[in-house]
Amino acid sequence: MGLHSPESAIMSRRDLQRAHHRRAHPSGLARVKYRPVGAGALLRRNLLIYGLGGIILPFIGIKLIDVILVAFHLG
């Protein structure tokens, strides 16, 4: 991924994890309304959310946070 250092990689992952926990806290489920949808639509939606959000976006987020950390630390 071309991160600056092992330390900045750890800090980037930690910050991304904190942001995720704030957004996906279980109390947020109380606001989710039930909508009946078909199995195909549900599968497509879950693949998009969990596939993209769980595999690709963390790498982009870690790299972005690493760039910001390095810019402020070395700037």
PDB file of N, CA and C in Angstrom:
ATOM      1  N   MET A   1       0.822  -1.198   0.000  1.00  0.00           N
ATOM      2  CA  MET A   1       0.000   0.000   0.000  1.00  0.00           C
ATOM      3  C   MET A   1       0.860   1.252   0.000  1.00  0.00           C
ATOM      4  N   GLY A   2       2.140   1.116   0.248  1.00  0.00           N
ATOM      5  CA  GLY A   2       3.027   2.270   0.209  1.00  0.00           C
ATOM      6  C   GLY A   2       2.824   3.221   1.371  1.00  0.00           C
ATOM      7  N   LEU A   3       2.559   2.691   2.539  1.00  0.00           N
ATOM      8  CA  LEU A   3       2.363   3.549   3.707  1.00  0.00           C
ATOM      9  C   LEU A   3       3.705   4.078   4.186  1.00  0.00           C
ATOM     10  N   HIS A   4       3.654   5.172   4.914  1.00  0.00           N
ATOM     11  CA  HIS A   4       4.862   5.866   5.342  1.00  0.00           C
ATOM     12  C   HIS A   4       5.725   5.013   6.260  1.00  0.00           C
ATOM     13  N   SER A   5       5.126   4.434   7.273  1.00  0.00           N
ATOM     14  CA  SER A   5       5.881   3.639   8.243  1.00  0.00           C
ATOM     15  C   SER A   5       4.927   2.669   8.926  1.00  0.00           C
ATOM     16  N   PRO A   6       5.471   1.671   9.615  1.00  0.00           N
ATOM     17  CA  PRO A   6       4.590   0.765  10.370  1.00  0.00           C
ATOM     18  C   PRO A   6       3.773   1.499  11.434  1.00  0.00           C
ATOM     19  N   GLU A   7       4.371   2.501  12.056  1.00  0.00           N
ATOM     20  CA  GLU A   7       3.658   3.257  13.091  1.00  0.00           C
ATOM     21  C   GLU A   7       2.479   4.022  12.505  1.00  0.00           C
ATOM     22  N   SER A   8       2.687   4.669  11.354  1.00  0.00           N
ATOM     23  CA  SER A   8       1.579   5.414  10.749  1.00  0.00           C
ATOM     24  C   SER A   8       0.504   4.459  10.239  1.00  0.00           C
ATOM     25  N   ALA A   9       0.898   3.254   9.819  1.00  0.00           N
ATOM     26  CA  ALA A   9      -0.083   2.259   9.391  1.00  0.00           C
ATOM     27  C   ALA A   9      -0.966   1.843  10.563  1.00  0.00           C
ATOM     28  N   ILE A  10      -0.358   1.643  11.719  1.00  0.00           N
ATOM     29  CA  ILE A  10      -1.118   1.258  12.911  1.00  0.00           C
ATOM     30  C   ILE A  10      -2.043   2.382  13.335  1.00  0.00           C
ATOM     31  N   MET A  11      -1.544   3.615  13.334  1.00  0.00           N
ATOM     32  CA  MET A  11      -2.383   4.752  13.718  1.00  0.00           C
ATOM     33  C   MET A  11      -3.531   4.945  12.723  1.00  0.00           C
ATOM     34  N   SER A  12      -3.266   4.747  11.439  1.00  0.00           N
ATOM     35  CA  SER A  12      -4.307   4.889  10.428  1.00  0.00           C
ATOM     36  C   SER A  12      -5.405   3.862  10.629  1.00  0.00           C
ATOM     37  N   ARG A  13      -5.015   2.616  10.862  1.00  0.00           N
ATOM     38  CA  ARG A  13      -6.001   1.558  11.076  1.00  0.00           C
ATOM     39  C   ARG A  13      -6.803   1.810  12.352  1.00  0.00           C
ATOM     40  N   ARG A  14      -6.128   2.273  13.396  1.00  0.00           N
ATOM     41  CA  ARG A  14      -6.812   2.569  14.649  1.00  0.00           C
ATOM     42  C   ARG A  14      -7.848   3.678  14.450  1.00  0.00           C
ATOM     43  N   ASP A  15      -7.474   4.736  13.739  1.00  0.00           N
ATOM     44  CA  ASP A  15      -8.393   5.847  13.525  1.00  0.00           C
ATOM     45  C   ASP A  15      -9.570   5.431  12.651  1.00  0.00           C
ATOM     46  N   LEU A  16      -9.308   4.609  11.633  1.00  0.00           N
ATOM     47  CA  LEU A  16     -10.391   4.131  10.792  1.00  0.00           C
ATOM     48  C   LEU A  16     -11.348   3.253  11.596  1.00  0.00           C
ATOM     49  N   GLN A  17     -10.802   2.423  12.461  1.00  0.00           N
ATOM     50  CA  GLN A  17     -11.629   1.555  13.305  1.00  0.00           C
ATOM     51  C   GLN A  17     -12.488   2.381  14.260  1.00  0.00           C
ATOM     52  N   ARG A  18     -11.923   3.433  14.826  1.00  0.00           N
ATOM     53  CA  ARG A  18     -12.699   4.312  15.714  1.00  0.00           C
ATOM     54  C   ARG A  18     -13.845   4.969  14.970  1.00  0.00           C
ATOM     55  N   ALA A  19     -13.565   5.452  13.754  1.00  0.00           N
ATOM     56  CA  ALA A  19     -14.621   6.094  12.967  1.00  0.00           C
ATOM     57  C   ALA A  19     -15.720   5.092  12.637  1.00  0.00           C
ATOM     58  N   HIS A  20     -15.341   3.869  12.333  1.00  0.00           N
ATOM     59  CA  HIS A  20     -16.325   2.837  12.027  1.00  0.00           C
ATOM     60  C   HIS A  20     -17.187   2.525  13.247  1.00  0.00           C
ATOM     61  N   HIS A  21     -16.579   2.418  14.405  1.00  0.00           N
ATOM     62  CA  HIS A  21     -17.350   2.084  15.606  1.00  0.00           C
ATOM     63  C   HIS A  21     -18.317   3.198  15.967  1.00  0.00           C
ATOM     64  N   ARG A  22     -17.943   4.437  15.741  1.00  0.00           N
ATOM     65  CA  ARG A  22     -18.868   5.531  16.025  1.00  0.00           C
ATOM     66  C   ARG A  22     -20.081   5.461  15.107  1.00  0.00           C
ATOM     67  N   ARG A  23     -19.837   5.095  13.840  1.00  0.00           N
ATOM     68  CA  ARG A  23     -20.914   5.080  12.858  1.00  0.00           C
ATOM     69  C   ARG A  23     -21.792   3.832  12.994  1.00  0.00           C
ATOM     70  N   ALA A  24     -21.212   2.720  13.321  1.00  0.00           N
ATOM     71  CA  ALA A  24     -21.954   1.461  13.305  1.00  0.00           C
ATOM     72  C   ALA A  24     -22.310   0.961  14.703  1.00  0.00           C
ATOM     73  N   HIS A  25     -22.444   1.847  15.626  1.00  0.00           N
ATOM     74  CA  HIS A  25     -22.771   1.455  16.996  1.00  0.00           C
ATOM     75  C   HIS A  25     -24.149   0.808  17.029  1.00  0.00           C
ATOM     76  N   PRO A  26     -24.338  -0.232  17.828  1.00  0.00           N
ATOM     77  CA  PRO A  26     -25.619  -0.945  17.850  1.00  0.00           C
ATOM     78  C   PRO A  26     -26.835  -0.075  18.155  1.00  0.00           C
ATOM     79  N   SER A  27     -26.676   1.029  18.862  1.00  0.00           N
ATOM     80  CA  SER A  27     -27.841   1.863  19.149  1.00  0.00           C
ATOM     81  C   SER A  27     -28.394   2.482  17.875  1.00  0.00           C
ATOM     82  N   GLY A  28     -27.593   2.527  16.819  1.00  0.00           N
ATOM     83  CA  GLY A  28     -28.074   3.034  15.541  1.00  0.00           C
ATOM     84  C   GLY A  28     -29.102   2.131  14.903  1.00  0.00           C
ATOM     85  N   LEU A  29     -29.168   0.879  15.305  1.00  0.00           N
ATOM     86  CA  LEU A  29     -30.136  -0.049  14.734  1.00  0.00           C
ATOM     87  C   LEU A  29     -31.562   0.284  15.144  1.00  0.00           C
ATOM     88  N   ALA A  30     -31.740   1.030  16.207  1.00  0.00           N
ATOM     89  CA  ALA A  30     -33.084   1.383  16.656  1.00  0.00           C
ATOM     90  C   ALA A  30     -33.794   2.249  15.623  1.00  0.00           C
ATOM     91  N   ARG A  31     -33.046   2.972  14.787  1.00  0.00           N
ATOM     92  CA  ARG A  31     -33.644   3.862  13.792  1.00  0.00           C
ATOM     93  C   ARG A  31     -33.922   3.162  12.468  1.00  0.00           C
ATOM     94  N   VAL A  32     -33.513   1.917  12.320  1.00  0.00           N
ATOM     95  CA  VAL A  32     -33.684   1.199  11.060  1.00  0.00           C
ATOM     96  C   VAL A  32     -35.110   0.672  10.969  1.00  0.00           C
ATOM     97  N   LYS A  33     -35.766   1.019   9.889  1.00  0.00           N
ATOM     98  CA  LYS A  33     -37.140   0.546   9.683  1.00  0.00           C
ATOM     99  C   LYS A  33     -37.119  -0.699   8.814  1.00  0.00           C
ATOM    100  N   TYR A  34     -38.021  -1.603   9.094  1.00  0.00           N
ATOM    101  CA  TYR A  34     -38.129  -2.842   8.334  1.00  0.00           C
ATOM    102  C   TYR A  34     -38.833  -2.569   7.018  1.00  0.00           C
ATOM    103  N   ARG A  35     -38.243  -3.077   5.935  1.00  0.00           N
ATOM    104  CA  ARG A  35     -38.866  -2.990   4.614  1.00  0.00           C
ATOM    105  C   ARG A  35     -38.809  -4.373   3.981  1.00  0.00           C
ATOM    106  N   PRO A  36     -39.928  -4.920   3.600  1.00  0.00           N
ATOM    107  CA  PRO A  36     -39.886  -6.220   2.917  1.00  0.00           C
ATOM    108  C   PRO A  36     -39.341  -6.047   1.494  1.00  0.00           C
ATOM    109  N   VAL A  37     -38.291  -6.812   1.162  1.00  0.00           N
ATOM    110  CA  VAL A  37     -37.709  -6.787  -0.188  1.00  0.00           C
ATOM    111  C   VAL A  37     -37.446  -8.221  -0.616  1.00  0.00           C
ATOM    112  N   GLY A  38     -37.297  -8.401  -1.911  1.00  0.00           N
ATOM    113  CA  GLY A  38     -37.031  -9.731  -2.442  1.00  0.00           C
ATOM    114  C   GLY A  38     -35.602 -10.181  -2.131  1.00  0.00           C
ATOM    115  N   ALA A  39     -35.388 -11.485  -2.260  1.00  0.00           N
ATOM    116  CA  ALA A  39     -34.080 -12.055  -1.940  1.00  0.00           C
ATOM    117  C   ALA A  39     -32.991 -11.533  -2.873  1.00  0.00           C
ATOM    118  N   GLY A  40     -33.305 -11.374  -4.159  1.00  0.00           N
ATOM    119  CA  GLY A  40     -32.310 -10.880  -5.120  1.00  0.00           C
ATOM    120  C   GLY A  40     -31.876  -9.456  -4.806  1.00  0.00           C
ATOM    121  N   ALA A  41     -32.828  -8.603  -4.498  1.00  0.00           N
ATOM    122  CA  ALA A  41     -32.515  -7.213  -4.168  1.00  0.00           C
ATOM    123  C   ALA A  41     -31.724  -7.136  -2.867  1.00  0.00           C
ATOM    124  N   LEU A  42     -32.099  -7.956  -1.901  1.00  0.00           N
ATOM    125  CA  LEU A  42     -31.383  -7.974  -0.628  1.00  0.00           C
ATOM    126  C   LEU A  42     -29.951  -8.455  -0.809  1.00  0.00           C
ATOM    127  N   LEU A  43     -29.749  -9.479  -1.631  1.00  0.00           N
ATOM    128  CA  LEU A  43     -28.397  -9.984  -1.895  1.00  0.00           C
ATOM    129  C   LEU A  43     -27.545  -8.926  -2.578  1.00  0.00           C
ATOM    130  N   ARG A  44     -28.075  -8.262  -3.603  1.00  0.00           N
ATOM    131  CA  ARG A  44     -27.321  -7.207  -4.294  1.00  0.00           C
ATOM    132  C   ARG A  44     -26.940  -6.086  -3.333  1.00  0.00           C
ATOM    133  N   ARG A  45     -27.878  -5.673  -2.508  1.00  0.00           N
ATOM    134  CA  ARG A  45     -27.606  -4.582  -1.559  1.00  0.00           C
ATOM    135  C   ARG A  45     -26.532  -4.984  -0.551  1.00  0.00           C
ATOM    136  N   ASN A  46     -26.633  -6.192  -0.007  1.00  0.00           N
ATOM    137  CA  ASN A  46     -25.659  -6.644   0.981  1.00  0.00           C
ATOM    138  C   ASN A  46     -24.277  -6.841   0.367  1.00  0.00           C
ATOM    139  N   LEU A  47     -24.216  -7.341  -0.867  1.00  0.00           N
ATOM    140  CA  LEU A  47     -22.918  -7.480  -1.532  1.00  0.00           C
ATOM    141  C   LEU A  47     -22.274  -6.117  -1.757  1.00  0.00           C
ATOM    142  N   LEU A  48     -23.080  -5.138  -2.128  1.00  0.00           N
ATOM    143  CA  LEU A  48     -22.551  -3.797  -2.338  1.00  0.00           C
ATOM    144  C   LEU A  48     -22.052  -3.202  -1.027  1.00  0.00           C
ATOM    145  N   ILE A  49     -22.863  -3.271   0.004  1.00  0.00           N
ATOM    146  CA  ILE A  49     -22.503  -2.666   1.287  1.00  0.00           C
ATOM    147  C   ILE A  49     -21.342  -3.405   1.938  1.00  0.00           C
ATOM    148  N   TYR A  50     -21.470  -4.715   2.091  1.00  0.00           N
ATOM    149  CA  TYR A  50     -20.460  -5.464   2.828  1.00  0.00           C
ATOM    150  C   TYR A  50     -19.264  -5.833   1.965  1.00  0.00           C
ATOM    151  N   GLY A  51     -19.469  -6.029   0.679  1.00  0.00           N
ATOM    152  CA  GLY A  51     -18.348  -6.327  -0.205  1.00  0.00           C
ATOM    153  C   GLY A  51     -17.462  -5.110  -0.394  1.00  0.00           C
ATOM    154  N   LEU A  52     -18.057  -4.024  -0.848  1.00  0.00           N
ATOM    155  CA  LEU A  52     -17.301  -2.795  -1.072  1.00  0.00           C
ATOM    156  C   LEU A  52     -16.837  -2.198   0.247  1.00  0.00           C
ATOM    157  N   GLY A  53     -17.745  -2.101   1.202  1.00  0.00           N
ATOM    158  CA  GLY A  53     -17.416  -1.477   2.480  1.00  0.00           C
ATOM    159  C   GLY A  53     -16.501  -2.306   3.348  1.00  0.00           C
ATOM    160  N   GLY A  54     -16.478  -3.610   3.152  1.00  0.00           N
ATOM    161  CA  GLY A  54     -15.667  -4.457   4.012  1.00  0.00           C
ATOM    162  C   GLY A  54     -14.332  -4.853   3.428  1.00  0.00           C
ATOM    163  N   ILE A  55     -14.175  -4.751   2.118  1.00  0.00           N
ATOM    164  CA  ILE A  55     -12.935  -5.200   1.495  1.00  0.00           C
ATOM    165  C   ILE A  55     -12.161  -4.052   0.859  1.00  0.00           C
ATOM    166  N   ILE A  56     -12.820  -3.226   0.078  1.00  0.00           N
ATOM    167  CA  ILE A  56     -12.116  -2.201  -0.695  1.00  0.00           C
ATOM    168  C   ILE A  56     -11.949  -0.901   0.079  1.00  0.00           C
ATOM    169  N   LEU A  57     -13.002  -0.400   0.668  1.00  0.00           N
ATOM    170  CA  LEU A  57     -12.940   0.904   1.328  1.00  0.00           C
ATOM    171  C   LEU A  57     -11.956   0.987   2.494  1.00  0.00           C
ATOM    172  N   PRO A  58     -11.764  -0.066   3.296  1.00  0.00           N
ATOM    173  CA  PRO A  58     -10.767   0.062   4.361  1.00  0.00           C
ATOM    174  C   PRO A  58      -9.356   0.368   3.847  1.00  0.00           C
ATOM    175  N   PHE A  59      -8.972  -0.214   2.716  1.00  0.00           N
ATOM    176  CA  PHE A  59      -7.656   0.077   2.163  1.00  0.00           C
ATOM    177  C   PHE A  59      -7.545   1.537   1.743  1.00  0.00           C
ATOM    178  N   ILE A  60      -8.584   2.037   1.106  1.00  0.00           N
ATOM    179  CA  ILE A  60      -8.597   3.442   0.690  1.00  0.00           C
ATOM    180  C   ILE A  60      -8.582   4.354   1.915  1.00  0.00           C
ATOM    181  N   GLY A  61      -9.374   4.019   2.923  1.00  0.00           N
ATOM    182  CA  GLY A  61      -9.420   4.828   4.140  1.00  0.00           C
ATOM    183  C   GLY A  61      -8.106   4.840   4.887  1.00  0.00           C
ATOM    184  N   ILE A  62      -7.458   3.686   4.995  1.00  0.00           N
ATOM    185  CA  ILE A  62      -6.168   3.615   5.692  1.00  0.00           C
ATOM    186  C   ILE A  62      -5.132   4.445   4.956  1.00  0.00           C
ATOM    187  N   LYS A  63      -5.090   4.352   3.634  1.00  0.00           N
ATOM    188  CA  LYS A  63      -4.121   5.125   2.851  1.00  0.00           C
ATOM    189  C   LYS A  63      -4.385   6.617   3.009  1.00  0.00           C
ATOM    190  N   LEU A  64      -5.644   7.019   2.947  1.00  0.00           N
ATOM    191  CA  LEU A  64      -5.997   8.429   3.091  1.00  0.00           C
ATOM    192  C   LEU A  64      -5.609   8.963   4.471  1.00  0.00           C
ATOM    193  N   ILE A  65      -5.914   8.215   5.511  1.00  0.00           N
ATOM    194  CA  ILE A  65      -5.558   8.643   6.865  1.00  0.00           C
ATOM    195  C   ILE A  65      -4.040   8.698   7.016  1.00  0.00           C
ATOM    196  N   ASP A  66      -3.322   7.741   6.427  1.00  0.00           N
ATOM    197  CA  ASP A  66      -1.864   7.737   6.482  1.00  0.00           C
ATOM    198  C   ASP A  66      -1.291   8.994   5.825  1.00  0.00           C
ATOM    199  N   VAL A  67      -1.819   9.363   4.676  1.00  0.00           N
ATOM    200  CA  VAL A  67      -1.353  10.566   3.978  1.00  0.00           C
ATOM    201  C   VAL A  67      -1.601  11.797   4.837  1.00  0.00           C
ATOM    202  N   ILE A  68      -2.770  11.879   5.455  1.00  0.00           N
ATOM    203  CA  ILE A  68      -3.090  13.027   6.313  1.00  0.00           C
ATOM    204  C   ILE A  68      -2.188  13.065   7.541  1.00  0.00           C
ATOM    205  N   LEU A  69      -1.990  11.909   8.190  1.00  0.00           N
ATOM    206  CA  LEU A  69      -1.112  11.858   9.369  1.00  0.00           C
ATOM    207  C   LEU A  69       0.305  12.291   9.028  1.00  0.00           C
ATOM    208  N   VAL A  70       0.830  11.796   7.920  1.00  0.00           N
ATOM    209  CA  VAL A  70       2.196  12.134   7.512  1.00  0.00           C
ATOM    210  C   VAL A  70       2.288  13.620   7.165  1.00  0.00           C
ATOM    211  N   ALA A  71       1.267  14.157   6.478  1.00  0.00           N
ATOM    212  CA  ALA A  71       1.285  15.559   6.099  1.00  0.00           C
ATOM    213  C   ALA A  71       1.303  16.469   7.328  1.00  0.00           C
ATOM    214  N   PHE A  72       0.528  16.134   8.344  1.00  0.00           N
ATOM    215  CA  PHE A  72       0.493  16.971   9.539  1.00  0.00           C
ATOM    216  C   PHE A  72       1.698  16.738  10.435  1.00  0.00           C
ATOM    217  N   HIS A  73       2.210  15.528  10.434  1.00  0.00           N
ATOM    218  CA  HIS A  73       3.351  15.222  11.291  1.00  0.00           C
ATOM    219  C   HIS A  73       4.654  15.786  10.723  1.00  0.00           C
ATOM    220  N   LEU A  74       4.844  15.659   9.418  1.00  0.00           N
ATOM    221  CA  LEU A  74       6.086  16.110   8.793  1.00  0.00           C
ATOM    222  C   LEU A  74       5.983  17.527   8.260  1.00  0.00           C
ATOM    223  N   GLY A  75       4.740  18.038   8.126  1.00  0.00           N
ATOM    224  CA  GLY A  75       4.504  19.341   7.516  1.00  0.00           C
ATOM    225  C   GLY A  75       5.086  20.435   8.275  1.00  0.00           C
TER     226      GLY A  75
END
